Amino acid sequence: MPCICNTEAEWGNLTNDEIIQILVKELTIDPSQTTVERSKRESRQDPRVSSANMGRLAIAVILIILAAVIIPDLITLWRALNRWRN
């Protein structure tokens, strides 16, 4: 039975199931190539100065916290190594 919406001869000898299979095959898209999927992996640029400043502030806070934890340990290690050498 030919497809009503397509009167070409190539559909003439096909059953409805065969036509559906062909259409599904032709119309199926690769999900990894959709805009939604690509946007999950890409960051958007934000030209606002305030957002750049907030990022800098966040980095500074993280570095200060790490320094407050690591520097006392380094001082203790330095003293221990000096005592060990002497």
Protein backbone atom coordinates (compact mmCIF):
# COMPACT_ATOMS: atom_id res chain seq x y z
CA MET A 1 0.00 0.00 0.00
CA PRO A 2 1.58 3.30 -1.02
CA CYS A 3 1.98 6.10 1.44
CA ILE A 4 -0.78 8.69 1.01
CA CYS A 5 1.56 11.62 1.63
CA ASN A 6 4.19 10.38 -0.85
CA THR A 7 3.00 9.19 -4.22
CA GLU A 8 6.42 8.15 -5.52
CA ALA A 9 6.65 4.67 -7.03
CA GLU A 10 9.30 3.50 -4.51
CA TRP A 11 6.61 3.21 -1.82
CA GLY A 12 4.27 1.23 -4.01
CA ASN A 13 5.54 -2.28 -3.23
CA LEU A 14 6.13 -1.76 0.50
CA THR A 15 3.93 -2.61 3.43
CA ASN A 16 3.09 -0.07 6.12
CA ASP A 17 5.59 -1.69 8.51
CA GLU A 18 8.37 -1.46 5.92
CA ILE A 19 7.53 2.17 5.22
CA ILE A 20 7.58 2.93 8.94
CA GLN A 21 10.97 1.23 9.33
CA ILE A 22 12.42 3.23 6.44
CA LEU A 23 11.03 6.50 7.79
CA VAL A 24 12.30 5.81 11.31
CA LYS A 25 15.73 4.99 9.93
CA GLU A 26 15.83 8.18 7.81
CA LEU A 27 14.48 10.47 10.56
CA THR A 28 16.50 9.15 13.50
CA ILE A 29 19.16 11.59 14.68
CA ASP A 30 22.29 10.98 16.72
CA PRO A 31 21.47 12.15 20.28
CA SER A 32 25.06 13.25 20.87
CA GLN A 33 24.74 15.81 18.08
CA THR A 34 21.72 17.67 19.48
CA THR A 35 22.06 21.20 20.81
CA VAL A 36 21.03 20.13 24.30
CA GLU A 37 23.69 17.42 24.46
CA ARG A 38 26.42 19.71 23.12
CA SER A 39 25.51 22.48 25.57
CA LYS A 40 26.00 20.05 28.48
CA ARG A 41 29.70 19.82 27.59
CA GLU A 42 30.41 23.46 26.71
CA SER A 43 30.69 26.49 28.96
CA ARG A 44 29.15 29.76 27.93
CA GLN A 45 31.14 32.98 28.03
CA ASP A 46 29.85 35.63 30.42
CA PRO A 47 31.09 39.10 29.44
CA ARG A 48 29.82 40.80 32.62
CA VAL A 49 32.55 42.35 34.74
CA SER A 50 30.71 41.47 37.95
CA SER A 51 30.76 37.74 37.16
CA ALA A 52 34.49 37.85 36.42
CA ASN A 53 35.08 39.64 39.74
CA MET A 54 33.01 37.06 41.62
CA GLY A 55 35.12 34.30 40.06
CA ARG A 56 38.32 36.04 41.13
CA LEU A 57 36.96 36.51 44.65
CA ALA A 58 36.02 32.82 44.87
CA ILE A 59 39.52 31.78 43.76
CA ALA A 60 41.09 34.13 46.32
CA VAL A 61 38.93 32.73 49.15
CA ILE A 62 39.80 29.15 48.22
CA LEU A 63 43.52 29.97 48.06
CA ILE A 64 43.42 31.76 51.45
CA ILE A 65 41.71 28.77 53.07
CA LEU A 66 44.23 26.35 51.55
CA ALA A 67 47.14 28.57 52.61
CA ALA A 68 45.77 28.78 56.18
CA VAL A 69 45.79 24.98 56.35
CA ILE A 70 49.04 24.23 54.49
CA ILE A 71 51.42 26.98 55.68
CA PRO A 72 51.37 25.95 59.39
CA ASP A 73 52.07 22.36 58.36
CA LEU A 74 54.99 23.47 56.21
CA ILE A 75 56.42 25.51 59.07
CA THR A 76 56.16 22.49 61.40
CA LEU A 77 57.79 20.28 58.78
CA TRP A 78 60.61 22.80 58.25
CA ARG A 79 61.30 22.93 61.99
CA ALA A 80 61.25 19.14 62.29
CA LEU A 81 63.70 18.79 59.38
CA ASN A 82 66.04 21.37 60.93
CA ARG A 83 65.99 19.54 64.28
CA TRP A 84 66.63 16.23 62.50
CA ARG A 85 69.66 17.63 60.66
CA ASN A 86 71.23 18.99 63.87
